[in-house]
Amino acid sequence: MSENNNQKTLDVDAAFLKSRRGIVKVAETVTLFVAFVCFAVASTPKYLAATVLEFLITLLLLLLYLLKLNKKIKFLFWPIVDVFNSVFAAVYLIVLSLMALTSYSITATLVGGVVSLISSGILFVDSYTLFKNITFNKSRNETQNQNNE
């Protein structure tokens, strides 16, 4: 009996978690989750929705790089998507955290605003390092391999 083993497995890139980019992505995810929890405790839905959305987007990008799906889904140039997400999220989180810091009535809102400000700083660092590594005169595979280091 010959069985046809056409099972597709996902490779996990454990080296990505140990790389600088992986550490920054994990730090973004953790700080966004902490900000989400703080805003959830404070029951502030206007801040909660933004942090949960950015947490999910960052988590999906982390899983994309961790499971090497960026090498299988090639119709998007993932480093540019990541740069745009990081820049827009950082600007949005700065505005959100400044609003939370100036209008807090519960300590959890204050802590969530501070953690969101830290998260926006990490997002700016991520976007700067990503954009610095992207070169537009190389092929996609060379640039994506360089960015995963």
N, C-alpha and C. Protein backbone atom coordinates (compact mmCIF):
# COMPACT_ATOMS: atom_id res chain seq x y z
N MET A 1 0.84 -1.18 0.00
CA MET A 1 0.00 0.00 0.00
C MET A 1 0.88 1.23 0.00
N SER A 2 0.75 1.96 -1.01
CA SER A 2 1.53 3.20 -1.07
C SER A 2 0.62 4.38 -0.78
N GLU A 3 1.01 5.12 0.20
CA GLU A 3 0.24 6.31 0.56
C GLU A 3 0.91 7.52 -0.05
N ASN A 4 0.10 8.41 -0.48
CA ASN A 4 0.61 9.63 -1.08
C ASN A 4 0.67 10.70 0.00
N ASN A 5 1.85 11.01 0.47
CA ASN A 5 2.01 12.00 1.53
C ASN A 5 2.21 13.39 0.92
N ASN A 6 1.12 14.01 0.60
CA ASN A 6 1.17 15.36 0.04
C ASN A 6 0.83 16.40 1.10
N GLN A 7 1.16 16.10 2.32
CA GLN A 7 0.87 17.05 3.38
C GLN A 7 1.84 18.21 3.30
N LYS A 8 1.30 19.40 3.38
CA LYS A 8 2.14 20.58 3.37
C LYS A 8 2.36 21.03 4.81
N THR A 9 3.60 21.22 5.14
CA THR A 9 3.92 21.66 6.48
C THR A 9 4.46 23.08 6.42
N LEU A 10 4.26 23.80 7.48
CA LEU A 10 4.77 25.15 7.59
C LEU A 10 6.10 25.12 8.34
N ASP A 11 7.07 25.75 7.76
CA ASP A 11 8.36 25.86 8.42
C ASP A 11 8.32 27.01 9.41
N VAL A 12 8.86 26.78 10.58
CA VAL A 12 8.95 27.83 11.58
C VAL A 12 10.38 28.36 11.58
N ASP A 13 10.50 29.65 11.44
CA ASP A 13 11.81 30.30 11.40
C ASP A 13 12.18 30.74 12.82
N ALA A 14 12.77 29.83 13.58
CA ALA A 14 13.14 30.14 14.96
C ALA A 14 14.26 31.16 15.02
N ALA A 15 15.06 31.23 13.97
CA ALA A 15 16.15 32.22 13.92
C ALA A 15 15.60 33.64 13.83
N PHE A 16 14.40 33.78 13.27
CA PHE A 16 13.79 35.11 13.17
C PHE A 16 13.52 35.70 14.55
N LEU A 17 13.07 34.85 15.48
CA LEU A 17 12.80 35.34 16.84
C LEU A 17 14.06 35.81 17.55
N LYS A 18 15.21 35.25 17.16
CA LYS A 18 16.46 35.64 17.79
C LYS A 18 17.14 36.81 17.09
N SER A 19 16.64 37.16 15.91
CA SER A 19 17.23 38.27 15.17
C SER A 19 16.74 39.60 15.74
N ARG A 20 17.39 40.66 15.33
CA ARG A 20 17.02 42.00 15.80
C ARG A 20 15.59 42.35 15.40
N ARG A 21 15.23 42.04 14.16
CA ARG A 21 13.88 42.33 13.69
C ARG A 21 12.84 41.53 14.46
N GLY A 22 13.15 40.27 14.75
CA GLY A 22 12.22 39.44 15.50
C GLY A 22 12.01 39.95 16.91
N ILE A 23 13.08 40.38 17.54
CA ILE A 23 12.98 40.93 18.90
C ILE A 23 12.15 42.21 18.90
N VAL A 24 12.35 43.05 17.88
CA VAL A 24 11.57 44.29 17.78
C VAL A 24 10.10 43.98 17.54
N LYS A 25 9.80 43.01 16.67
CA LYS A 25 8.40 42.63 16.42
C LYS A 25 7.73 42.08 17.67
N VAL A 26 8.46 41.25 18.41
CA VAL A 26 7.89 40.71 19.66
C VAL A 26 7.67 41.84 20.67
N ALA A 27 8.61 42.79 20.74
CA ALA A 27 8.46 43.92 21.66
C ALA A 27 7.25 44.78 21.27
N GLU A 28 7.05 44.99 19.96
CA GLU A 28 5.87 45.73 19.51
C GLU A 28 4.59 45.01 19.93
N THR A 29 4.56 43.71 19.71
CA THR A 29 3.37 42.92 20.03
C THR A 29 3.08 42.96 21.53
N VAL A 30 4.11 42.82 22.34
CA VAL A 30 3.92 42.80 23.80
C VAL A 30 3.46 44.16 24.30
N THR A 31 4.08 45.25 23.83
CA THR A 31 3.67 46.58 24.31
C THR A 31 2.26 46.93 23.84
N LEU A 32 1.91 46.52 22.63
CA LEU A 32 0.54 46.77 22.17
C LEU A 32 -0.47 45.97 22.97
N PHE A 33 -0.11 44.75 23.35
CA PHE A 33 -1.01 43.95 24.17
C PHE A 33 -1.18 44.55 25.56
N VAL A 34 -0.09 45.04 26.13
CA VAL A 34 -0.17 45.67 27.45
C VAL A 34 -1.04 46.94 27.38
N ALA A 35 -0.86 47.73 26.32
CA ALA A 35 -1.69 48.93 26.15
C ALA A 35 -3.16 48.54 25.98
N PHE A 36 -3.41 47.49 25.24
CA PHE A 36 -4.77 46.99 25.07
C PHE A 36 -5.39 46.60 26.40
N VAL A 37 -4.64 45.87 27.21
CA VAL A 37 -5.15 45.45 28.52
C VAL A 37 -5.42 46.65 29.41
N CYS A 38 -4.53 47.64 29.39
CA CYS A 38 -4.73 48.84 30.21
C CYS A 38 -5.97 49.60 29.79
N PHE A 39 -6.17 49.76 28.48
CA PHE A 39 -7.35 50.47 28.00
C PHE A 39 -8.62 49.65 28.23
N ALA A 40 -8.51 48.32 28.23
CA ALA A 40 -9.67 47.48 28.53
C ALA A 40 -10.07 47.60 30.00
N VAL A 41 -9.07 47.67 30.88
CA VAL A 41 -9.36 47.84 32.31
C VAL A 41 -10.00 49.20 32.55
N ALA A 42 -9.55 50.21 31.83
CA ALA A 42 -10.09 51.56 32.00
C ALA A 42 -11.43 51.75 31.30
N SER A 43 -11.85 50.77 30.52
CA SER A 43 -13.11 50.84 29.76
C SER A 43 -13.17 52.07 28.86
N THR A 44 -12.14 52.25 28.06
CA THR A 44 -12.11 53.36 27.10
C THR A 44 -12.12 52.78 25.69
N PRO A 45 -13.33 52.64 25.10
CA PRO A 45 -13.43 51.98 23.81
C PRO A 45 -12.75 52.73 22.66
N LYS A 46 -12.65 54.06 22.75
CA LYS A 46 -12.01 54.78 21.64
C LYS A 46 -10.52 54.47 21.55
N TYR A 47 -9.87 54.21 22.67
CA TYR A 47 -8.47 53.83 22.66
C TYR A 47 -8.31 52.32 22.48
N LEU A 48 -9.27 51.59 22.96
CA LEU A 48 -9.23 50.13 22.91
C LEU A 48 -9.26 49.62 21.47
N ALA A 49 -10.12 50.19 20.65
CA ALA A 49 -10.27 49.73 19.26
C ALA A 49 -8.99 49.92 18.47
N ALA A 50 -8.33 51.04 18.63
CA ALA A 50 -7.10 51.31 17.87
C ALA A 50 -5.97 50.39 18.30
N THR A 51 -5.82 50.18 19.60
CA THR A 51 -4.73 49.31 20.05
C THR A 51 -4.97 47.85 19.68
N VAL A 52 -6.22 47.41 19.74
CA VAL A 52 -6.51 46.02 19.38
C VAL A 52 -6.28 45.81 17.88
N LEU A 53 -6.64 46.76 17.07
CA LEU A 53 -6.43 46.64 15.63
C LEU A 53 -4.95 46.58 15.30
N GLU A 54 -4.16 47.46 15.88
CA GLU A 54 -2.73 47.45 15.61
C GLU A 54 -2.06 46.22 16.21
N PHE A 55 -2.54 45.75 17.35
CA PHE A 55 -2.00 44.52 17.93
C PHE A 55 -2.23 43.34 16.98
N LEU A 56 -3.41 43.24 16.40
CA LEU A 56 -3.71 42.13 15.49
C LEU A 56 -2.89 42.23 14.21
N ILE A 57 -2.72 43.43 13.67
CA ILE A 57 -1.92 43.60 12.46
C ILE A 57 -0.46 43.23 12.73
N THR A 58 0.07 43.68 13.85
CA THR A 58 1.46 43.36 14.18
C THR A 58 1.63 41.88 14.46
N LEU A 59 0.67 41.26 15.12
CA LEU A 59 0.72 39.83 15.37
C LEU A 59 0.68 39.05 14.06
N LEU A 60 -0.15 39.47 13.12
CA LEU A 60 -0.21 38.80 11.82
C LEU A 60 1.09 38.95 11.05
N LEU A 61 1.71 40.13 11.11
CA LEU A 61 3.01 40.30 10.45
C LEU A 61 4.09 39.45 11.12
N LEU A 62 4.04 39.35 12.44
CA LEU A 62 4.98 38.50 13.15
C LEU A 62 4.82 37.04 12.73
N LEU A 63 3.57 36.58 12.65
CA LEU A 63 3.31 35.20 12.21
C LEU A 63 3.71 35.00 10.75
N LEU A 64 3.53 36.02 9.93
CA LEU A 64 3.92 35.94 8.53
C LEU A 64 5.41 35.68 8.39
N TYR A 65 6.21 36.42 9.15
CA TYR A 65 7.66 36.23 9.09
C TYR A 65 8.09 34.95 9.81
N LEU A 66 7.42 34.63 10.91
CA LEU A 66 7.79 33.45 11.69
C LEU A 66 7.53 32.15 10.93
N LEU A 67 6.42 32.10 10.19
CA LEU A 67 6.07 30.90 9.44
C LEU A 67 6.57 30.93 8.00
N LYS A 68 7.37 31.93 7.68
CA LYS A 68 7.97 32.11 6.34
C LYS A 68 6.92 32.22 5.23
N LEU A 69 5.77 32.78 5.58
CA LEU A 69 4.73 32.95 4.57
C LEU A 69 5.06 34.08 3.61
N ASN A 70 5.96 34.98 4.01
CA ASN A 70 6.36 36.06 3.12
C ASN A 70 7.10 35.53 1.90
N LYS A 71 7.66 34.34 2.00
CA LYS A 71 8.34 33.74 0.84
C LYS A 71 7.38 32.95 -0.03
N LYS A 72 6.20 32.63 0.49
CA LYS A 72 5.21 31.90 -0.29
C LYS A 72 4.19 32.84 -0.94
N ILE A 73 3.88 33.93 -0.27
CA ILE A 73 2.95 34.92 -0.81
C ILE A 73 3.78 36.04 -1.42
N LYS A 74 3.95 36.00 -2.71
CA LYS A 74 4.91 36.90 -3.36
C LYS A 74 4.26 38.05 -4.12
N PHE A 75 2.96 38.19 -4.08
CA PHE A 75 2.35 39.28 -4.83
C PHE A 75 2.46 40.62 -4.11
N LEU A 76 2.90 40.62 -2.86
CA LEU A 76 3.17 41.84 -2.12
C LEU A 76 4.64 41.86 -1.70
N PHE A 77 5.19 43.04 -1.66
CA PHE A 77 6.56 43.22 -1.17
C PHE A 77 6.44 43.51 0.32
N TRP A 78 6.58 42.50 1.14
CA TRP A 78 6.26 42.57 2.56
C TRP A 78 7.07 43.58 3.36
N PRO A 79 8.35 43.79 3.07
CA PRO A 79 9.06 44.83 3.83
C PRO A 79 8.44 46.22 3.68
N ILE A 80 7.96 46.55 2.47
CA ILE A 80 7.31 47.86 2.28
C ILE A 80 5.98 47.91 3.02
N VAL A 81 5.23 46.82 3.01
CA VAL A 81 3.97 46.77 3.76
C VAL A 81 4.25 46.97 5.24
N ASP A 82 5.31 46.35 5.73
CA ASP A 82 5.69 46.47 7.13
C ASP A 82 6.13 47.89 7.47
N VAL A 83 6.87 48.53 6.56
CA VAL A 83 7.30 49.92 6.79
C VAL A 83 6.10 50.85 6.86
N PHE A 84 5.18 50.73 5.90
CA PHE A 84 3.99 51.59 5.91
C PHE A 84 3.16 51.36 7.16
N ASN A 85 2.97 50.11 7.54
CA ASN A 85 2.22 49.82 8.76
C ASN A 85 2.90 50.43 9.97
N SER A 86 4.21 50.30 10.07
CA SER A 86 4.92 50.82 11.24
C SER A 86 4.85 52.34 11.32
N VAL A 87 5.02 53.01 10.18
CA VAL A 87 4.99 54.48 10.18
C VAL A 87 3.60 54.99 10.54
N PHE A 88 2.58 54.48 9.85
CA PHE A 88 1.22 54.97 10.12
C PHE A 88 0.76 54.61 11.53
N ALA A 89 1.11 53.42 11.99
CA ALA A 89 0.73 53.02 13.35
C ALA A 89 1.44 53.86 14.39
N ALA A 90 2.71 54.18 14.16
CA ALA A 90 3.45 55.00 15.12
C ALA A 90 2.85 56.40 15.23
N VAL A 91 2.54 57.00 14.09
CA VAL A 91 1.94 58.34 14.11
C VAL A 91 0.57 58.29 14.80
N TYR A 92 -0.22 57.30 14.44
CA TYR A 92 -1.55 57.18 15.04
C TYR A 92 -1.47 56.92 16.54
N LEU A 93 -0.53 56.08 16.96
CA LEU A 93 -0.40 55.78 18.38
C LEU A 93 0.15 56.97 19.17
N ILE A 94 0.97 57.80 18.54
CA ILE A 94 1.42 59.02 19.23
C ILE A 94 0.24 59.93 19.51
N VAL A 95 -0.60 60.13 18.51
CA VAL A 95 -1.80 60.97 18.71
C VAL A 95 -2.71 60.35 19.76
N LEU A 96 -2.93 59.06 19.67
CA LEU A 96 -3.79 58.37 20.62
C LEU A 96 -3.24 58.44 22.04
N SER A 97 -1.94 58.23 22.18
CA SER A 97 -1.37 58.24 23.53
C SER A 97 -1.35 59.65 24.11
N LEU A 98 -1.12 60.66 23.29
CA LEU A 98 -1.20 62.03 23.79
C LEU A 98 -2.61 62.40 24.22
N MET A 99 -3.60 61.92 23.48
CA MET A 99 -4.99 62.14 23.89
C MET A 99 -5.28 61.43 25.21
N ALA A 100 -4.79 60.21 25.35
CA ALA A 100 -5.02 59.44 26.57
C ALA A 100 -4.31 60.08 27.76
N LEU A 101 -3.11 60.61 27.52
CA LEU A 101 -2.36 61.23 28.62
C LEU A 101 -2.95 62.55 29.07
N THR A 102 -3.54 63.29 28.15
CA THR A 102 -4.09 64.60 28.54
C THR A 102 -5.50 64.51 29.11
N SER A 103 -6.21 63.42 28.82
CA SER A 103 -7.60 63.35 29.29
C SER A 103 -7.88 62.13 30.15
N TYR A 104 -6.89 61.66 30.89
CA TYR A 104 -7.12 60.44 31.69
C TYR A 104 -7.88 60.79 32.96
N SER A 105 -8.72 59.86 33.37
CA SER A 105 -9.42 59.98 34.65
C SER A 105 -9.16 58.75 35.52
N ILE A 106 -8.67 57.70 34.91
CA ILE A 106 -8.34 56.46 35.61
C ILE A 106 -6.86 56.18 35.36
N THR A 107 -6.20 55.64 36.35
CA THR A 107 -4.76 55.37 36.23
C THR A 107 -4.45 54.42 35.09
N ALA A 108 -5.34 53.49 34.80
CA ALA A 108 -5.11 52.53 33.71
C ALA A 108 -5.02 53.25 32.36
N THR A 109 -5.76 54.33 32.19
CA THR A 109 -5.67 55.12 30.95
C THR A 109 -4.31 55.79 30.85
N LEU A 110 -3.81 56.29 31.98
CA LEU A 110 -2.49 56.90 32.00
C LEU A 110 -1.40 55.88 31.64
N VAL A 111 -1.48 54.70 32.25
CA VAL A 111 -0.49 53.66 31.96
C VAL A 111 -0.60 53.20 30.50
N GLY A 112 -1.82 53.06 30.01
CA GLY A 112 -2.02 52.69 28.61
C GLY A 112 -1.46 53.73 27.66
N GLY A 113 -1.61 55.01 28.01
CA GLY A 113 -1.04 56.08 27.19
C GLY A 113 0.48 56.04 27.17
N VAL A 114 1.09 55.79 28.31
CA VAL A 114 2.55 55.72 28.39
C VAL A 114 3.06 54.51 27.60
N VAL A 115 2.40 53.37 27.76
CA VAL A 115 2.82 52.16 27.04
C VAL A 115 2.61 52.33 25.53
N SER A 116 1.54 53.02 25.14
CA SER A 116 1.31 53.30 23.71
C SER A 116 2.40 54.21 23.16
N LEU A 117 2.85 55.16 23.96
CA LEU A 117 3.94 56.03 23.54
C LEU A 117 5.23 55.23 23.37
N ILE A 118 5.50 54.31 24.27
CA ILE A 118 6.66 53.43 24.14
C ILE A 118 6.53 52.56 22.88
N SER A 119 5.33 52.06 22.66
CA SER A 119 5.09 51.23 21.48
C SER A 119 5.28 52.02 20.18
N SER A 120 4.88 53.27 20.18
CA SER A 120 5.09 54.08 18.97
C SER A 120 6.58 54.34 18.74
N GLY A 121 7.34 54.47 19.80
CA GLY A 121 8.79 54.60 19.65
C GLY A 121 9.41 53.34 19.05
N ILE A 122 8.95 52.19 19.51
CA ILE A 122 9.45 50.93 18.95
C ILE A 122 9.04 50.79 17.49
N LEU A 123 7.82 51.23 17.16
CA LEU A 123 7.37 51.18 15.77
C LEU A 123 8.21 52.09 14.88
N PHE A 124 8.58 53.27 15.38
CA PHE A 124 9.45 54.15 14.60
C PHE A 124 10.82 53.52 14.38
N VAL A 125 11.37 52.90 15.40
CA VAL A 125 12.66 52.23 15.26
C VAL A 125 12.55 51.10 14.23
N ASP A 126 11.47 50.34 14.28
CA ASP A 126 11.27 49.26 13.32
C ASP A 126 11.17 49.80 11.90
N SER A 127 10.41 50.86 11.70
CA SER A 127 10.26 51.40 10.35
C SER A 127 11.57 51.98 9.84
N TYR A 128 12.35 52.62 10.71
CA TYR A 128 13.63 53.18 10.29
C TYR A 128 14.61 52.08 9.88
N THR A 129 14.73 51.05 10.70
CA THR A 129 15.68 49.99 10.38
C THR A 129 15.24 49.20 9.14
N LEU A 130 13.94 49.02 8.98
CA LEU A 130 13.45 48.33 7.79
C LEU A 130 13.72 49.15 6.53
N PHE A 131 13.41 50.43 6.58
CA PHE A 131 13.57 51.26 5.41
C PHE A 131 15.04 51.43 5.06
N LYS A 132 15.89 51.44 6.07
CA LYS A 132 17.33 51.56 5.84
C LYS A 132 17.87 50.32 5.12
N ASN A 133 17.31 49.15 5.41
CA ASN A 133 17.77 47.91 4.81
C ASN A 133 17.21 47.65 3.42
N ILE A 134 16.11 48.31 3.08
CA ILE A 134 15.50 48.08 1.77
C ILE A 134 16.29 48.83 0.71
N THR A 135 16.68 48.12 -0.30
CA THR A 135 17.30 48.75 -1.46
C THR A 135 16.44 48.43 -2.66
N PHE A 136 16.24 49.41 -3.49
CA PHE A 136 15.29 49.25 -4.59
C PHE A 136 15.94 48.76 -5.87
N ASN A 137 17.24 48.51 -5.86
CA ASN A 137 17.89 48.03 -7.07
C ASN A 137 18.25 46.55 -7.00
N LYS A 138 17.79 45.85 -5.97
CA LYS A 138 18.02 44.41 -5.85
C LYS A 138 16.72 43.68 -6.14
N SER A 139 16.84 42.37 -6.37
CA SER A 139 15.63 41.59 -6.59
C SER A 139 14.89 41.41 -5.28
N ARG A 140 13.65 40.98 -5.37
CA ARG A 140 12.82 40.80 -4.19
C ARG A 140 13.41 39.79 -3.21
N ASN A 141 13.88 38.69 -3.72
CA ASN A 141 14.40 37.63 -2.84
C ASN A 141 15.62 38.09 -2.08
N GLU A 142 16.51 38.85 -2.73
CA GLU A 142 17.71 39.34 -2.05
C GLU A 142 17.33 40.31 -0.94
N THR A 143 16.38 41.20 -1.21
CA THR A 143 15.97 42.19 -0.21
C THR A 143 15.25 41.52 0.95
N GLN A 144 14.38 40.55 0.67
CA GLN A 144 13.66 39.88 1.76
C GLN A 144 14.60 39.03 2.60
N ASN A 145 15.59 38.40 1.98
CA ASN A 145 16.56 37.64 2.76
C ASN A 145 17.39 38.56 3.62
N GLN A 146 17.74 39.73 3.10
CA GLN A 146 18.52 40.71 3.87
C GLN A 146 17.72 41.25 5.04
N ASN A 147 16.42 41.47 4.85
CA ASN A 147 15.58 42.02 5.91
C ASN A 147 15.29 41.02 7.00
N ASN A 148 15.37 39.74 6.72
CA ASN A 148 15.09 38.73 7.74
C ASN A 148 16.29 38.51 8.65
N GLU A 149 17.43 39.07 8.33
CA GLU A 149 18.61 38.90 9.17
C GLU A 149 18.61 39.83 10.34
